[in-house]
Each structure stands twice: as C-alpha cells, then as structure tokens.
C-alpha cells in the first residue's frame, strides 16, 4: 500500500509540473506586453525616417556633440549658423 501511495504522489507531482510548464509556455507565446519605459516601434521608425531625410551631414559631428573641439575658426562657425 505504501508503494502505491508513493507512486500516486509522484505521478500527481509530475502532472502538476507539466501543467505549470504548459501555463508558462502559453503565456510566453502570447503577444508580449510592453515593458514600462520601453520604446514603441512606431516612434522609433518615425525617428529613423526623419534622420534619413536629412541630406546634409554635419561637418563636425563630434564638435557638435561637445566631445571634441571644433577645428573651424570662430568666423566660420558663426557664418555656418
């Protein structure tokens, strides 16, 4: 009788584990929920399209970011603006 009880308990625990794994995989296969603070795909696509429309590239992108000093003179910098 003890062996039957242990066997039934083991079988029940395996069935519970399978049901739990099935629930986890079903929830993972659904459409993913958006995380808080995550970027939205449409917004990122619009930003990418806007950056592609800019046909003039900056002469010194690092200087505009403030990473490196500008190599143009002060008169050329004010004329460019």
N, C-alpha and C. Protein backbone atom coordinates (compact mmCIF):
# COMPACT_ATOMS: atom_id res chain seq x y z
N UNK A 1 0.82 -1.19 0.00
CA UNK A 1 0.00 0.00 0.00
C UNK A 1 0.87 1.27 0.00
N UNK A 2 1.99 1.21 0.71
CA UNK A 2 2.91 2.35 0.77
C UNK A 2 3.47 2.66 -0.62
N UNK A 3 3.82 1.65 -1.39
CA UNK A 3 4.37 1.86 -2.74
C UNK A 3 3.34 2.51 -3.65
N UNK A 4 2.11 2.13 -3.54
CA UNK A 4 1.05 2.70 -4.37
C UNK A 4 0.87 4.18 -4.02
N UNK A 5 0.92 4.51 -2.74
CA UNK A 5 0.75 5.90 -2.30
C UNK A 5 1.92 6.76 -2.81
N UNK A 6 3.13 6.25 -2.72
CA UNK A 6 4.31 6.98 -3.20
C UNK A 6 4.24 7.14 -4.72
N UNK A 7 3.82 6.09 -5.41
CA UNK A 7 3.71 6.17 -6.87
C UNK A 7 2.66 7.17 -7.31
N UNK A 8 1.51 7.18 -6.64
CA UNK A 8 0.44 8.13 -6.99
C UNK A 8 0.87 9.57 -6.67
N UNK A 9 1.59 9.75 -5.57
CA UNK A 9 2.08 11.09 -5.23
C UNK A 9 3.10 11.57 -6.27
N UNK A 10 3.97 10.70 -6.70
CA UNK A 10 4.95 11.06 -7.74
C UNK A 10 4.28 11.38 -9.05
N UNK A 11 3.27 10.59 -9.42
CA UNK A 11 2.53 10.84 -10.66
C UNK A 11 1.78 12.17 -10.60
N UNK A 12 1.17 12.45 -9.46
CA UNK A 12 0.46 13.71 -9.30
C UNK A 12 1.42 14.90 -9.37
N UNK A 13 2.59 14.78 -8.76
CA UNK A 13 3.55 15.89 -8.79
C UNK A 13 4.08 16.12 -10.21
N UNK A 14 4.28 15.05 -10.97
CA UNK A 14 4.72 15.20 -12.37
C UNK A 14 3.63 15.89 -13.18
N UNK A 15 2.37 15.53 -12.97
CA UNK A 15 1.27 16.17 -13.70
C UNK A 15 1.15 17.65 -13.35
N UNK A 16 1.37 17.99 -12.08
CA UNK A 16 1.33 19.40 -11.67
C UNK A 16 2.47 20.16 -12.33
N UNK A 17 3.65 19.58 -12.39
CA UNK A 17 4.79 20.25 -13.04
C UNK A 17 4.54 20.45 -14.53
N UNK A 18 3.93 19.47 -15.18
CA UNK A 18 3.62 19.60 -16.61
C UNK A 18 2.58 20.69 -16.83
N UNK A 19 1.57 20.75 -15.98
CA UNK A 19 0.55 21.80 -16.11
C UNK A 19 1.16 23.18 -15.89
N UNK A 20 2.05 23.29 -14.94
CA UNK A 20 2.71 24.58 -14.67
C UNK A 20 3.58 25.00 -15.84
N UNK A 21 4.35 24.06 -16.40
CA UNK A 21 5.18 24.38 -17.56
C UNK A 21 4.34 24.77 -18.76
N UNK A 22 3.22 24.10 -18.93
CA UNK A 22 2.32 24.43 -20.04
C UNK A 22 1.76 25.84 -19.89
N UNK A 23 1.40 26.20 -18.67
CA UNK A 23 0.87 27.54 -18.43
C UNK A 23 1.94 28.61 -18.72
N UNK A 24 3.17 28.33 -18.32
CA UNK A 24 4.25 29.29 -18.55
C UNK A 24 4.51 29.46 -20.04
N UNK A 25 4.55 28.35 -20.79
CA UNK A 25 4.82 28.44 -22.22
C UNK A 25 3.66 29.08 -22.97
N UNK A 26 2.43 28.85 -22.52
CA UNK A 26 1.28 29.50 -23.16
C UNK A 26 1.32 31.00 -22.95
N UNK A 27 1.66 31.45 -21.75
CA UNK A 27 1.72 32.89 -21.51
C UNK A 27 2.89 33.53 -22.26
N UNK A 28 3.96 32.78 -22.47
CA UNK A 28 5.11 33.32 -23.19
C UNK A 28 4.85 33.39 -24.69
N UNK A 29 3.98 32.54 -25.20
CA UNK A 29 3.74 32.53 -26.64
C UNK A 29 2.73 33.58 -27.07
N UNK A 30 2.02 34.17 -26.13
CA UNK A 30 1.08 35.25 -26.47
C UNK A 30 1.86 36.49 -26.86
N UNK A 31 1.14 37.51 -27.35
CA UNK A 31 1.78 38.76 -27.73
C UNK A 31 2.47 39.35 -26.49
N UNK A 32 3.70 39.76 -26.63
CA UNK A 32 4.42 40.28 -25.46
C UNK A 32 3.84 41.60 -24.98
N UNK A 33 3.75 41.76 -23.70
CA UNK A 33 3.30 43.01 -23.12
C UNK A 33 4.44 44.02 -23.19
N UNK A 34 4.09 45.27 -23.36
CA UNK A 34 5.12 46.30 -23.44
C UNK A 34 5.64 46.61 -22.05
N UNK A 35 6.91 46.63 -21.92
CA UNK A 35 7.53 46.94 -20.63
C UNK A 35 7.42 48.44 -20.36
N UNK A 36 7.42 48.77 -19.10
CA UNK A 36 7.34 50.17 -18.70
C UNK A 36 8.61 50.88 -19.14
N UNK A 37 8.47 51.96 -19.88
CA UNK A 37 9.62 52.72 -20.33
C UNK A 37 10.24 52.20 -21.61
N UNK A 38 9.66 51.16 -22.21
CA UNK A 38 10.21 50.61 -23.45
C UNK A 38 9.83 51.51 -24.62
N UNK A 39 10.67 51.56 -25.62
CA UNK A 39 10.38 52.38 -26.78
C UNK A 39 9.33 51.70 -27.64
N UNK A 40 8.50 52.50 -28.26
CA UNK A 40 7.45 51.98 -29.12
C UNK A 40 8.00 51.88 -30.54
N UNK A 41 7.64 50.82 -31.24
CA UNK A 41 8.20 50.55 -32.56
C UNK A 41 7.85 51.66 -33.55
N UNK A 42 6.62 52.17 -33.51
CA UNK A 42 6.22 53.22 -34.45
C UNK A 42 7.02 54.50 -34.23
N UNK A 43 7.27 54.84 -32.98
CA UNK A 43 8.03 56.05 -32.68
C UNK A 43 9.47 55.91 -33.16
N UNK A 44 10.06 54.76 -32.93
CA UNK A 44 11.43 54.54 -33.36
C UNK A 44 11.52 54.57 -34.88
N UNK A 45 10.53 54.01 -35.57
CA UNK A 45 10.53 54.02 -37.03
C UNK A 45 10.40 55.44 -37.56
N UNK A 46 9.58 56.28 -36.92
CA UNK A 46 9.44 57.67 -37.35
C UNK A 46 10.73 58.44 -37.13
N UNK A 47 11.41 58.16 -36.04
CA UNK A 47 12.68 58.84 -35.79
C UNK A 47 13.72 58.43 -36.83
N UNK A 48 13.72 57.17 -37.21
CA UNK A 48 14.67 56.69 -38.21
C UNK A 48 14.38 57.32 -39.57
N UNK A 49 13.09 57.45 -39.92
CA UNK A 49 12.73 58.08 -41.19
C UNK A 49 13.13 59.55 -41.21
N UNK A 50 12.97 60.23 -40.09
CA UNK A 50 13.32 61.65 -40.03
C UNK A 50 14.82 61.84 -40.19
N UNK A 51 15.59 60.94 -39.64
CA UNK A 51 17.04 61.09 -39.76
C UNK A 51 17.52 60.78 -41.18
N UNK A 52 16.77 59.96 -41.92
CA UNK A 52 17.16 59.66 -43.30
C UNK A 52 16.87 60.82 -44.24
N UNK A 53 15.90 61.68 -43.89
CA UNK A 53 15.55 62.81 -44.75
C UNK A 53 16.60 63.91 -44.72
N UNK A 54 17.43 63.92 -43.71
CA UNK A 54 18.45 64.96 -43.59
C UNK A 54 19.59 64.64 -44.56
N UNK A 55 19.61 65.36 -45.69
CA UNK A 55 20.62 65.08 -46.71
C UNK A 55 21.95 65.76 -46.42
N UNK A 56 21.94 66.80 -45.61
CA UNK A 56 23.20 67.48 -45.28
C UNK A 56 23.74 66.91 -43.99
N UNK A 57 24.93 66.39 -44.05
CA UNK A 57 25.57 65.84 -42.87
C UNK A 57 26.37 66.95 -42.19
N UNK A 58 26.40 66.94 -40.88
CA UNK A 58 27.19 67.97 -40.19
C UNK A 58 28.68 67.79 -40.51
N UNK A 59 29.37 68.91 -40.58
CA UNK A 59 30.78 68.87 -40.92
C UNK A 59 31.59 68.26 -39.79
N UNK A 60 31.22 68.56 -38.55
CA UNK A 60 31.95 68.06 -37.41
C UNK A 60 30.97 67.53 -36.37
N UNK A 61 30.54 66.29 -36.50
CA UNK A 61 29.55 65.77 -35.56
C UNK A 61 30.07 65.67 -34.12
N UNK A 62 31.35 65.37 -33.95
CA UNK A 62 31.89 65.28 -32.59
C UNK A 62 31.96 66.65 -31.93
N UNK A 63 32.23 67.69 -32.71
CA UNK A 63 32.27 69.04 -32.16
C UNK A 63 30.86 69.50 -31.79
N UNK A 64 29.87 69.10 -32.57
CA UNK A 64 28.50 69.48 -32.25
C UNK A 64 28.02 68.78 -30.98
N UNK A 65 28.51 67.58 -30.73
CA UNK A 65 28.14 66.88 -29.50
C UNK A 65 28.94 67.37 -28.31
N UNK A 66 30.00 68.12 -28.56
CA UNK A 66 30.83 68.61 -27.48
C UNK A 66 31.88 67.63 -27.02
N UNK A 67 32.16 66.62 -27.82
CA UNK A 67 33.14 65.60 -27.47
C UNK A 67 34.54 66.06 -27.84
N UNK A 68 34.66 66.72 -28.99
CA UNK A 68 35.97 67.15 -29.46
C UNK A 68 35.90 68.65 -29.78
N UNK A 69 37.01 69.35 -29.68
CA UNK A 69 36.98 70.77 -30.03
C UNK A 69 36.81 70.96 -31.54
N UNK A 70 36.23 72.08 -31.89
CA UNK A 70 35.99 72.38 -33.29
C UNK A 70 37.28 72.80 -33.97
N UNK A 71 37.45 72.38 -35.22
CA UNK A 71 38.64 72.76 -35.96
C UNK A 71 38.39 73.98 -36.85
N UNK A 72 37.15 74.40 -36.97
CA UNK A 72 36.85 75.60 -37.76
C UNK A 72 37.09 76.83 -36.92
N UNK A 73 37.41 77.93 -37.60
CA UNK A 73 37.64 79.18 -36.89
C UNK A 73 36.34 79.75 -36.35
N UNK A 74 36.43 80.77 -35.51
CA UNK A 74 35.25 81.39 -34.93
C UNK A 74 34.41 82.08 -35.98
N UNK A 75 35.02 82.68 -36.99
CA UNK A 75 34.28 83.36 -38.04
C UNK A 75 33.53 82.35 -38.90
N UNK A 76 34.14 81.21 -39.20
CA UNK A 76 33.47 80.20 -40.00
C UNK A 76 32.32 79.58 -39.23
N UNK A 77 32.44 79.43 -37.91
CA UNK A 77 31.39 78.84 -37.10
C UNK A 77 30.16 79.73 -37.05
N UNK A 78 30.40 81.06 -36.93
CA UNK A 78 29.26 81.97 -36.90
C UNK A 78 28.64 82.12 -38.28
N UNK A 79 29.44 82.00 -39.35
CA UNK A 79 28.92 82.07 -40.70
C UNK A 79 28.08 80.85 -41.03
N UNK A 80 28.44 79.72 -40.48
CA UNK A 80 27.70 78.47 -40.74
C UNK A 80 26.33 78.51 -40.08
N UNK A 81 26.23 79.23 -38.95
CA UNK A 81 24.95 79.30 -38.27
C UNK A 81 24.05 80.23 -39.01
